[in-house]
Amino acid sequence: MITENYIKMCEQAEEIQKLMPHILTSTHLKGNIFICTDKYNANYFWRMETLIDTGDEVGSSIYGPTKNIWLPTQEQLQAMVKDRSFHIWGNFNSLFMTANTGNRDTHRVCWGEAKSLNELWLVYVMKEKYHKIWTGEKWVKADD
């Protein structure tokens, strides 16, 4: 499920956005969500399109993408940590299945903070690969 929070999380996950696949084709799904294909796979993007003056003649303009945010699927996120698969369930359990103590200073990421499985996997990837946690507003370095 693509939530507004997931879009915000992906937009601010610079490390993930650097892995954005090259877009070859694009199909509008709904709202600002597009499904785009690269050479082999379908990828989801949040895309803002605005009217662009082409400058060719008076009144000539087209809609063009001005901002793309890659929204990786669970499968794509899992592939990013596949080298950690031997220990993944132990790590996953310790990161997400702990009780929410309400103490944000501990930087523990709890299941209750994720609103979808996409968000949960993104939090896991960011913590495992980049040592960052989601504060609810932005990604910050974790105090391991």
Protein backbone atom coordinates (compact mmCIF):
# COMPACT_ATOMS: atom_id res chain seq x y z
CA MET A 1 0.00 0.00 0.00
CA ILE A 2 1.30 3.43 -0.95
CA THR A 3 0.55 5.91 1.83
CA GLU A 4 1.23 9.64 1.96
CA ASN A 5 3.74 8.89 4.72
CA TYR A 6 5.51 6.29 2.54
CA ILE A 7 5.87 8.87 -0.25
CA LYS A 8 7.35 11.34 2.24
CA MET A 9 9.70 8.69 3.65
CA CYS A 10 10.90 7.70 0.16
CA GLU A 11 11.38 11.30 -0.91
CA GLN A 12 13.64 11.96 2.06
CA ALA A 13 15.56 8.67 1.77
CA GLU A 14 18.31 10.11 -0.42
CA GLU A 15 20.28 6.85 -0.39
CA ILE A 16 17.27 5.00 -1.81
CA GLN A 17 16.51 7.68 -4.39
CA LYS A 18 20.07 7.38 -5.72
CA LEU A 19 19.15 3.79 -6.68
CA MET A 20 16.18 4.99 -8.77
CA PRO A 21 15.79 2.93 -11.95
CA HIS A 22 15.90 4.64 -15.32
CA ILE A 23 12.38 5.22 -16.65
CA LEU A 24 11.58 4.03 -20.16
CA THR A 25 7.76 4.07 -20.21
CA SER A 26 5.17 5.58 -17.92
CA THR A 27 1.49 4.85 -17.25
CA HIS A 28 -0.71 6.94 -14.98
CA LEU A 29 -2.42 4.92 -12.22
CA LYS A 30 -4.21 7.48 -10.05
CA GLY A 31 -3.50 10.87 -8.54
CA ASN A 32 0.23 11.46 -8.80
CA ILE A 33 1.09 7.73 -8.82
CA PHE A 34 2.58 6.29 -12.01
CA ILE A 35 3.82 2.84 -12.90
CA CYS A 36 6.98 3.13 -14.94
CA THR A 37 9.05 0.43 -16.55
CA ASP A 38 12.77 0.12 -16.96
CA LYS A 39 14.28 -2.55 -19.18
CA TYR A 40 13.04 -5.46 -17.04
CA ASN A 41 10.72 -4.34 -14.23
CA ALA A 42 7.76 -2.21 -13.31
CA ASN A 43 8.41 0.50 -10.73
CA TYR A 44 6.11 2.85 -8.88
CA PHE A 45 6.73 6.59 -8.81
CA TRP A 46 5.08 9.62 -7.31
CA ARG A 47 5.34 12.20 -10.05
CA MET A 48 4.53 15.86 -10.11
CA GLU A 49 3.85 17.15 -13.58
CA THR A 50 3.52 20.80 -14.46
CA LEU A 51 2.71 22.75 -17.58
CA ILE A 52 5.94 23.60 -19.41
CA ASP A 53 6.13 26.30 -22.08
CA THR A 54 7.90 24.76 -25.08
CA GLY A 55 8.72 28.18 -26.52
CA ASP A 56 7.96 27.02 -30.04
CA GLU A 57 5.00 29.30 -30.60
CA VAL A 58 2.51 31.28 -28.56
CA GLY A 59 0.41 29.03 -26.36
CA SER A 60 2.39 25.88 -27.04
CA SER A 61 3.01 23.93 -23.88
CA ILE A 62 3.12 20.37 -22.65
CA TYR A 63 2.80 18.59 -19.35
CA GLY A 64 6.16 17.32 -18.26
CA PRO A 65 7.57 15.61 -15.15
CA THR A 66 9.24 18.06 -12.80
CA LYS A 67 9.73 15.71 -9.88
CA ASN A 68 9.92 11.92 -9.60
CA ILE A 69 10.05 10.00 -6.33
CA TRP A 70 10.78 6.30 -6.62
CA LEU A 71 8.51 4.17 -4.41
CA PRO A 72 10.27 0.79 -4.11
CA THR A 73 8.10 -2.28 -3.62
CA GLN A 74 8.58 -4.67 -0.71
CA GLU A 75 10.34 -7.07 -3.07
CA GLN A 76 12.77 -4.34 -4.17
CA LEU A 77 13.43 -3.32 -0.56
CA GLN A 78 14.02 -6.93 0.47
CA ALA A 79 16.50 -7.35 -2.39
CA MET A 80 18.50 -4.44 -0.95
CA VAL A 81 19.20 -6.47 2.20
CA LYS A 82 19.38 -9.94 0.66
CA ASP A 83 23.02 -10.30 1.75
CA ARG A 84 21.76 -10.10 5.33
CA SER A 85 19.09 -12.79 4.87
CA PHE A 86 20.74 -15.32 7.20
CA HIS A 87 20.14 -13.04 10.19
CA ILE A 88 17.24 -11.04 8.83
CA TRP A 89 14.48 -12.49 10.99
CA GLY A 90 16.40 -12.08 14.22
CA ASN A 91 17.25 -8.49 13.30
CA PHE A 92 13.73 -7.82 12.08
CA ASN A 93 12.28 -9.12 15.33
CA SER A 94 14.60 -7.06 17.53
CA LEU A 95 13.96 -3.88 15.54
CA PHE A 96 10.22 -4.05 15.03
CA MET A 97 8.50 -6.47 17.35
CA THR A 98 9.56 -4.85 20.61
CA ALA A 99 6.98 -3.18 22.76
CA ASN A 100 6.57 0.54 22.21
CA THR A 101 7.90 2.15 25.38
CA GLY A 102 7.05 5.66 24.24
CA ASN A 103 10.65 6.74 24.81
CA ARG A 104 11.85 8.20 21.51
CA ASP A 105 15.32 8.80 22.95
CA THR A 106 16.06 5.09 22.63
CA HIS A 107 15.60 5.33 18.84
CA ARG A 108 13.87 1.96 18.85
CA VAL A 109 11.70 1.45 15.82
CA CYS A 110 8.51 -0.30 16.74
CA TRP A 111 5.84 -1.95 14.64
CA GLY A 112 3.25 0.61 15.75
CA GLU A 113 5.12 3.42 13.97
CA ALA A 114 4.75 1.86 10.52
CA LYS A 115 1.42 2.31 8.78
CA SER A 116 2.10 -0.21 6.01
CA LEU A 117 4.45 -3.07 5.21
CA ASN A 118 6.20 -0.85 2.64
CA GLU A 119 6.98 1.64 5.41
CA LEU A 120 8.15 -1.14 7.69
CA TRP A 121 10.55 -2.54 5.09
CA LEU A 122 11.87 0.92 4.21
CA VAL A 123 12.59 1.59 7.89
CA TYR A 124 14.38 -1.76 8.11
CA VAL A 125 16.51 -1.11 5.01
CA MET A 126 17.44 2.40 6.12
CA LYS A 127 18.43 1.14 9.58
CA GLU A 128 20.40 -1.89 8.38
CA LYS A 129 22.17 -0.36 5.38
CA TYR A 130 22.48 3.31 6.23
CA HIS A 131 22.13 3.41 10.05
CA LYS A 132 19.28 5.90 9.88
CA ILE A 133 15.91 5.99 11.59
CA TRP A 134 12.68 7.77 10.73
CA THR A 135 11.60 10.39 13.27
CA GLY A 136 8.19 10.81 11.72
CA GLU A 137 9.47 13.82 9.79
CA LYS A 138 12.95 12.96 8.52
CA TRP A 139 15.75 10.38 8.45
CA VAL A 140 18.45 10.87 11.10
CA LYS A 141 21.61 8.94 12.00
CA ALA A 142 20.81 6.30 14.61
CA ASP A 143 22.67 6.30 17.94
CA ASP A 144 23.69 2.64 17.76
